[in-house]
Amino acid sequence: MAEIKSREQNPVPGIDHSEIHIPDENNLGTGTFITVLEPDAMARISPIISTIVNEPVFKLLVNILLAENEVTVLIGKADKSPPLSRAVFKLPDIPDLKKKFRFDATFSNWKITALQMDGEPLKTVRLE
């Protein structure tokens, strides 16, 4: 029962780093995926898409769409099958788009369970 932790620095423009934490390598469907944006990224880039893929067993995507005030999170297998879970969360009003933001997507048993922005839970709009 080994833990999986991995961090990627500057994976794509707008993302400072992303991290995956899975407490049990035998249960890839439970853990947390963290995305930290670069300062000013929300003002410059839309959408911002953060992903982690381990073919064919795991994929997770966080799509931050400021124009719609929403964040969509998907989780599933990376074998061309549809996502196992999809959740849409409402972004709060953001008065200062120039700061760094951190998004923590949590998942359990292949279901998206929550999304936090800078430690504050975001309201679920849709959960599938």
N, C-alpha and C. Protein backbone atom coordinates (compact mmCIF):
# COMPACT_ATOMS: atom_id res chain seq x y z
N MET A 1 0.84 -1.18 0.00
CA MET A 1 0.00 0.00 0.00
C MET A 1 0.89 1.24 0.00
N ALA A 2 1.56 1.46 -1.09
CA ALA A 2 2.43 2.63 -1.20
C ALA A 2 1.64 3.85 -1.66
N GLU A 3 2.08 4.99 -1.19
CA GLU A 3 1.47 6.26 -1.56
C GLU A 3 2.10 6.75 -2.87
N ILE A 4 1.29 7.41 -3.70
CA ILE A 4 1.78 8.02 -4.93
C ILE A 4 1.73 9.53 -4.76
N LYS A 5 2.88 10.18 -5.00
CA LYS A 5 2.96 11.64 -4.99
C LYS A 5 3.81 12.05 -6.18
N SER A 6 3.32 13.00 -6.93
CA SER A 6 4.09 13.49 -8.06
C SER A 6 3.79 14.97 -8.26
N ARG A 7 4.82 15.73 -8.60
CA ARG A 7 4.68 17.17 -8.82
C ARG A 7 5.32 17.51 -10.16
N GLU A 8 4.62 18.32 -10.95
CA GLU A 8 5.15 18.78 -12.23
C GLU A 8 5.21 20.30 -12.22
N GLN A 9 6.39 20.84 -12.46
CA GLN A 9 6.60 22.28 -12.47
C GLN A 9 6.32 22.83 -13.86
N ASN A 10 5.54 23.89 -13.96
CA ASN A 10 5.22 24.57 -15.22
C ASN A 10 4.80 23.59 -16.33
N PRO A 11 3.76 22.78 -16.09
CA PRO A 11 3.37 21.80 -17.11
C PRO A 11 2.84 22.43 -18.40
N VAL A 12 2.13 23.55 -18.28
CA VAL A 12 1.62 24.29 -19.44
C VAL A 12 1.59 25.77 -19.07
N PRO A 13 1.51 26.66 -20.06
CA PRO A 13 1.44 28.09 -19.74
C PRO A 13 0.26 28.39 -18.81
N GLY A 14 0.54 29.22 -17.81
CA GLY A 14 -0.48 29.61 -16.85
C GLY A 14 -0.50 28.80 -15.57
N ILE A 15 0.14 27.63 -15.59
CA ILE A 15 0.16 26.77 -14.40
C ILE A 15 1.56 26.75 -13.81
N ASP A 16 1.66 27.19 -12.55
CA ASP A 16 2.94 27.18 -11.84
C ASP A 16 3.38 25.74 -11.58
N HIS A 17 2.46 24.95 -11.02
CA HIS A 17 2.75 23.53 -10.82
C HIS A 17 1.45 22.78 -10.57
N SER A 18 1.53 21.47 -10.74
CA SER A 18 0.42 20.58 -10.38
C SER A 18 1.00 19.42 -9.59
N GLU A 19 0.15 18.86 -8.71
CA GLU A 19 0.56 17.74 -7.86
C GLU A 19 -0.57 16.73 -7.77
N ILE A 20 -0.21 15.47 -7.75
CA ILE A 20 -1.19 14.41 -7.52
C ILE A 20 -0.79 13.69 -6.24
N HIS A 21 -1.77 13.41 -5.40
CA HIS A 21 -1.56 12.65 -4.16
C HIS A 21 -2.59 11.52 -4.14
N ILE A 22 -2.11 10.30 -4.18
CA ILE A 22 -2.97 9.12 -4.08
C ILE A 22 -2.46 8.31 -2.91
N PRO A 23 -3.27 8.17 -1.83
CA PRO A 23 -2.77 7.52 -0.62
C PRO A 23 -2.44 6.04 -0.78
N ASP A 24 -3.09 5.35 -1.74
CA ASP A 24 -2.89 3.91 -1.91
C ASP A 24 -2.77 3.59 -3.39
N GLU A 25 -1.60 3.12 -3.80
CA GLU A 25 -1.37 2.81 -5.22
C GLU A 25 -2.32 1.76 -5.76
N ASN A 26 -2.95 1.00 -4.89
CA ASN A 26 -3.93 0.00 -5.32
C ASN A 26 -5.33 0.57 -5.50
N ASN A 27 -5.51 1.86 -5.19
CA ASN A 27 -6.80 2.53 -5.34
C ASN A 27 -6.56 3.88 -6.02
N LEU A 28 -6.32 3.84 -7.33
CA LEU A 28 -6.02 5.06 -8.07
C LEU A 28 -7.19 6.03 -8.13
N GLY A 29 -8.39 5.57 -7.84
CA GLY A 29 -9.58 6.41 -7.92
C GLY A 29 -9.84 7.26 -6.70
N THR A 30 -8.89 7.31 -5.75
CA THR A 30 -9.07 8.12 -4.54
C THR A 30 -7.82 8.95 -4.30
N GLY A 31 -8.01 10.27 -4.15
CA GLY A 31 -6.87 11.14 -3.89
C GLY A 31 -7.20 12.60 -4.09
N THR A 32 -6.16 13.39 -4.33
CA THR A 32 -6.28 14.83 -4.53
C THR A 32 -5.36 15.26 -5.67
N PHE A 33 -5.87 16.15 -6.51
CA PHE A 33 -5.08 16.74 -7.58
C PHE A 33 -5.06 18.25 -7.36
N ILE A 34 -3.87 18.80 -7.21
CA ILE A 34 -3.69 20.22 -6.90
C ILE A 34 -3.13 20.93 -8.13
N THR A 35 -3.73 22.07 -8.44
CA THR A 35 -3.25 22.93 -9.52
C THR A 35 -3.02 24.32 -8.94
N VAL A 36 -1.81 24.84 -9.10
CA VAL A 36 -1.49 26.19 -8.65
C VAL A 36 -1.20 27.03 -9.89
N LEU A 37 -1.96 28.10 -10.04
CA LEU A 37 -1.82 28.96 -11.21
C LEU A 37 -0.70 29.98 -11.01
N GLU A 38 -0.11 30.40 -12.11
CA GLU A 38 0.86 31.49 -12.08
C GLU A 38 0.11 32.79 -11.76
N PRO A 39 0.81 33.76 -11.16
CA PRO A 39 0.17 35.07 -10.96
C PRO A 39 -0.30 35.61 -12.31
N ASP A 40 -1.48 36.19 -12.33
CA ASP A 40 -2.04 36.82 -13.53
C ASP A 40 -2.58 35.82 -14.56
N ALA A 41 -2.48 34.52 -14.31
CA ALA A 41 -2.94 33.53 -15.29
C ALA A 41 -4.44 33.64 -15.56
N MET A 42 -5.23 33.88 -14.52
CA MET A 42 -6.69 33.97 -14.71
C MET A 42 -7.04 35.15 -15.60
N ALA A 43 -6.25 36.21 -15.56
CA ALA A 43 -6.53 37.38 -16.39
C ALA A 43 -6.05 37.19 -17.83
N ARG A 44 -5.08 36.30 -18.05
CA ARG A 44 -4.46 36.15 -19.37
C ARG A 44 -4.98 34.98 -20.20
N ILE A 45 -5.38 33.89 -19.54
CA ILE A 45 -5.64 32.64 -20.25
C ILE A 45 -7.03 32.13 -19.91
N SER A 46 -7.79 31.77 -20.94
CA SER A 46 -9.09 31.14 -20.71
C SER A 46 -9.42 30.28 -21.92
N PRO A 47 -9.67 29.01 -21.73
CA PRO A 47 -9.66 28.33 -20.44
C PRO A 47 -8.24 27.96 -20.02
N ILE A 48 -8.11 27.66 -18.74
CA ILE A 48 -6.88 27.08 -18.20
C ILE A 48 -7.18 25.61 -17.96
N ILE A 49 -6.38 24.74 -18.56
CA ILE A 49 -6.64 23.30 -18.46
C ILE A 49 -5.43 22.63 -17.82
N SER A 50 -5.69 21.95 -16.70
CA SER A 50 -4.65 21.21 -15.98
C SER A 50 -5.02 19.73 -16.03
N THR A 51 -4.07 18.90 -16.45
CA THR A 51 -4.36 17.47 -16.58
C THR A 51 -3.24 16.62 -16.01
N ILE A 52 -3.62 15.41 -15.68
CA ILE A 52 -2.64 14.37 -15.36
C ILE A 52 -3.14 13.09 -16.00
N VAL A 53 -2.24 12.39 -16.68
CA VAL A 53 -2.60 11.17 -17.40
C VAL A 53 -1.54 10.11 -17.12
N ASN A 54 -2.00 8.90 -16.84
CA ASN A 54 -1.14 7.72 -16.74
C ASN A 54 -1.85 6.64 -17.55
N GLU A 55 -1.51 6.58 -18.85
CA GLU A 55 -2.20 5.64 -19.74
C GLU A 55 -1.88 4.21 -19.37
N PRO A 56 -2.81 3.32 -19.45
CA PRO A 56 -4.23 3.50 -19.75
C PRO A 56 -5.10 3.56 -18.49
N VAL A 57 -4.48 3.74 -17.33
CA VAL A 57 -5.21 3.50 -16.07
C VAL A 57 -5.82 4.73 -15.41
N PHE A 58 -5.39 5.95 -15.79
CA PHE A 58 -5.85 7.11 -15.03
C PHE A 58 -5.76 8.38 -15.86
N LYS A 59 -6.80 9.22 -15.76
CA LYS A 59 -6.75 10.57 -16.30
C LYS A 59 -7.62 11.47 -15.44
N LEU A 60 -7.17 12.70 -15.23
CA LEU A 60 -7.94 13.69 -14.49
C LEU A 60 -7.71 15.03 -15.17
N LEU A 61 -8.79 15.80 -15.33
CA LEU A 61 -8.72 17.09 -16.01
C LEU A 61 -9.45 18.13 -15.20
N VAL A 62 -8.83 19.30 -15.03
CA VAL A 62 -9.45 20.45 -14.39
C VAL A 62 -9.47 21.57 -15.43
N ASN A 63 -10.67 22.02 -15.79
CA ASN A 63 -10.86 23.06 -16.81
C ASN A 63 -11.43 24.30 -16.15
N ILE A 64 -10.61 25.35 -16.03
CA ILE A 64 -11.01 26.59 -15.37
C ILE A 64 -11.44 27.57 -16.45
N LEU A 65 -12.72 27.92 -16.45
CA LEU A 65 -13.28 28.79 -17.48
C LEU A 65 -13.87 30.03 -16.82
N LEU A 66 -13.04 31.05 -16.70
CA LEU A 66 -13.45 32.28 -16.02
C LEU A 66 -14.63 32.95 -16.72
N ALA A 67 -14.69 32.91 -18.04
CA ALA A 67 -15.78 33.56 -18.79
C ALA A 67 -17.15 33.01 -18.39
N GLU A 68 -17.20 31.74 -17.98
CA GLU A 68 -18.45 31.11 -17.55
C GLU A 68 -18.55 31.03 -16.02
N ASN A 69 -17.52 31.49 -15.31
CA ASN A 69 -17.45 31.38 -13.85
C ASN A 69 -17.60 29.94 -13.38
N GLU A 70 -16.98 29.02 -14.12
CA GLU A 70 -17.10 27.60 -13.79
C GLU A 70 -15.75 26.90 -13.88
N VAL A 71 -15.66 25.81 -13.12
CA VAL A 71 -14.55 24.88 -13.21
C VAL A 71 -15.15 23.49 -13.39
N THR A 72 -14.72 22.79 -14.43
CA THR A 72 -15.18 21.42 -14.67
C THR A 72 -14.05 20.47 -14.34
N VAL A 73 -14.37 19.40 -13.61
CA VAL A 73 -13.38 18.39 -13.24
C VAL A 73 -13.88 17.04 -13.75
N LEU A 74 -13.00 16.32 -14.45
CA LEU A 74 -13.32 14.99 -14.98
C LEU A 74 -12.31 13.99 -14.46
N ILE A 75 -12.76 12.76 -14.20
CA ILE A 75 -11.85 11.68 -13.84
C ILE A 75 -12.29 10.41 -14.55
N GLY A 76 -11.31 9.60 -14.93
CA GLY A 76 -11.63 8.33 -15.57
C GLY A 76 -10.36 7.57 -15.92
N LYS A 77 -10.54 6.57 -16.75
CA LYS A 77 -9.41 5.79 -17.25
C LYS A 77 -8.90 6.45 -18.52
N ALA A 78 -7.63 6.31 -18.81
CA ALA A 78 -7.04 6.91 -20.01
C ALA A 78 -6.98 5.87 -21.12
N ASP A 79 -8.12 5.25 -21.36
CA ASP A 79 -8.20 4.19 -22.37
C ASP A 79 -9.24 4.51 -23.44
N LYS A 80 -9.51 5.78 -23.64
CA LYS A 80 -10.48 6.29 -24.62
C LYS A 80 -11.92 6.05 -24.22
N SER A 81 -12.16 5.58 -23.00
CA SER A 81 -13.53 5.44 -22.51
C SER A 81 -14.00 6.78 -21.95
N PRO A 82 -15.32 6.98 -21.83
CA PRO A 82 -15.82 8.25 -21.28
C PRO A 82 -15.41 8.42 -19.81
N PRO A 83 -15.42 9.65 -19.31
CA PRO A 83 -15.09 9.87 -17.89
C PRO A 83 -16.02 9.07 -16.98
N LEU A 84 -15.49 8.66 -15.85
CA LEU A 84 -16.29 7.95 -14.85
C LEU A 84 -17.06 8.93 -13.98
N SER A 85 -16.56 10.15 -13.85
CA SER A 85 -17.22 11.17 -13.05
C SER A 85 -16.90 12.54 -13.63
N ARG A 86 -17.91 13.42 -13.58
CA ARG A 86 -17.75 14.79 -14.06
C ARG A 86 -18.48 15.70 -13.07
N ALA A 87 -17.82 16.78 -12.67
CA ALA A 87 -18.44 17.74 -11.76
C ALA A 87 -18.14 19.15 -12.24
N VAL A 88 -19.13 20.02 -12.10
CA VAL A 88 -18.97 21.42 -12.46
C VAL A 88 -19.17 22.25 -11.20
N PHE A 89 -18.24 23.17 -10.96
CA PHE A 89 -18.26 24.00 -9.76
C PHE A 89 -18.33 25.47 -10.16
N LYS A 90 -18.95 26.28 -9.32
CA LYS A 90 -19.10 27.72 -9.57
C LYS A 90 -17.92 28.47 -8.97
N LEU A 91 -17.29 29.30 -9.79
CA LEU A 91 -16.23 30.18 -9.29
C LEU A 91 -16.86 31.34 -8.53
N PRO A 92 -16.24 31.77 -7.44
CA PRO A 92 -16.74 32.96 -6.74
C PRO A 92 -16.34 34.22 -7.51
N ASP A 93 -16.86 35.35 -7.09
CA ASP A 93 -16.37 36.61 -7.64
C ASP A 93 -14.90 36.75 -7.27
N ILE A 94 -14.09 37.13 -8.23
CA ILE A 94 -12.65 37.24 -8.01
C ILE A 94 -12.23 38.68 -8.27
N PRO A 95 -12.04 39.47 -7.20
CA PRO A 95 -11.71 40.88 -7.40
C PRO A 95 -10.29 41.12 -7.91
N ASP A 96 -9.36 40.21 -7.60
CA ASP A 96 -7.95 40.40 -7.99
C ASP A 96 -7.48 39.21 -8.81
N LEU A 97 -7.53 39.34 -10.13
CA LEU A 97 -7.12 38.25 -11.02
C LEU A 97 -5.60 38.12 -11.14
N LYS A 98 -4.84 39.00 -10.51
CA LYS A 98 -3.39 39.01 -10.66
C LYS A 98 -2.67 38.10 -9.67
N LYS A 99 -3.39 37.53 -8.72
CA LYS A 99 -2.72 36.70 -7.71
C LYS A 99 -2.63 35.24 -8.16
N LYS A 100 -1.88 34.47 -7.40
CA LYS A 100 -1.81 33.02 -7.60
C LYS A 100 -3.06 32.40 -7.01
N PHE A 101 -3.59 31.39 -7.67
CA PHE A 101 -4.73 30.66 -7.14
C PHE A 101 -4.38 29.18 -7.07
N ARG A 102 -4.94 28.51 -6.06
CA ARG A 102 -4.72 27.08 -5.88
C ARG A 102 -6.07 26.37 -5.91
N PHE A 103 -6.15 25.33 -6.72
CA PHE A 103 -7.35 24.51 -6.83
C PHE A 103 -7.02 23.09 -6.38
N ASP A 104 -7.80 22.57 -5.42
CA ASP A 104 -7.63 21.20 -4.92
C ASP A 104 -8.87 20.40 -5.30
N ALA A 105 -8.71 19.46 -6.23
CA ALA A 105 -9.81 18.59 -6.63
C ALA A 105 -9.66 17.27 -5.88
N THR A 106 -10.69 16.87 -5.14
CA THR A 106 -10.64 15.60 -4.41
C THR A 106 -11.58 14.61 -5.08
N PHE A 107 -11.16 13.35 -5.02
CA PHE A 107 -11.94 12.29 -5.65
C PHE A 107 -11.85 11.04 -4.78
N SER A 108 -12.93 10.26 -4.81
CA SER A 108 -13.01 9.05 -4.01
C SER A 108 -13.75 7.99 -4.80
N ASN A 109 -13.14 6.82 -4.93
CA ASN A 109 -13.76 5.71 -5.67
C ASN A 109 -14.22 6.14 -7.05
N TRP A 110 -13.36 6.87 -7.76
CA TRP A 110 -13.58 7.31 -9.14
C TRP A 110 -14.72 8.31 -9.27
N LYS A 111 -15.06 9.02 -8.19
CA LYS A 111 -16.07 10.07 -8.22
C LYS A 111 -15.45 11.37 -7.74
N ILE A 112 -15.69 12.47 -8.45
CA ILE A 112 -15.26 13.79 -8.00
C ILE A 112 -16.10 14.14 -6.78
N THR A 113 -15.47 14.48 -5.68
CA THR A 113 -16.22 14.76 -4.45
C THR A 113 -16.21 16.23 -4.05
N ALA A 114 -15.17 16.99 -4.42
CA ALA A 114 -15.11 18.39 -4.00
C ALA A 114 -14.03 19.12 -4.79
N LEU A 115 -14.16 20.45 -4.79
CA LEU A 115 -13.13 21.32 -5.35
C LEU A 115 -13.00 22.52 -4.43
N GLN A 116 -11.77 22.82 -4.05
CA GLN A 116 -11.50 24.00 -3.24
C GLN A 116 -10.65 24.98 -4.05
N MET A 117 -10.90 26.26 -3.81
CA MET A 117 -10.07 27.31 -4.39
C MET A 117 -9.47 28.09 -3.23
N ASP A 118 -8.16 28.04 -3.12
CA ASP A 118 -7.45 28.70 -2.01
C ASP A 118 -8.01 28.28 -0.66
N GLY A 119 -8.33 27.00 -0.52
CA GLY A 119 -8.80 26.45 0.75
C GLY A 119 -10.29 26.59 1.01
N GLU A 120 -11.01 27.28 0.13
CA GLU A 120 -12.46 27.48 0.30
C GLU A 120 -13.21 26.55 -0.64
N PRO A 121 -14.20 25.79 -0.11
CA PRO A 121 -14.96 24.90 -0.98
C PRO A 121 -15.78 25.68 -2.01
N LEU A 122 -15.80 25.17 -3.23
CA LEU A 122 -16.62 25.77 -4.28
C LEU A 122 -17.95 25.04 -4.36
N LYS A 123 -18.99 25.77 -4.71
CA LYS A 123 -20.34 25.22 -4.80
C LYS A 123 -20.44 24.34 -6.05
N THR A 124 -21.02 23.15 -5.86
CA THR A 124 -21.24 22.23 -6.97
C THR A 124 -22.44 22.69 -7.78
N VAL A 125 -22.25 22.82 -9.09
CA VAL A 125 -23.34 23.19 -9.99
C VAL A 125 -23.98 21.92 -10.57
N ARG A 126 -23.13 20.99 -11.02
CA ARG A 126 -23.58 19.70 -11.56
C ARG A 126 -22.61 18.61 -11.15
N LEU A 127 -23.15 17.45 -10.88
CA LEU A 127 -22.33 16.29 -10.51
C LEU A 127 -22.86 15.10 -11.28
N GLU A 128 -21.99 14.47 -12.07
CA GLU A 128 -22.40 13.31 -12.87
C GLU A 128 -21.48 12.14 -12.59
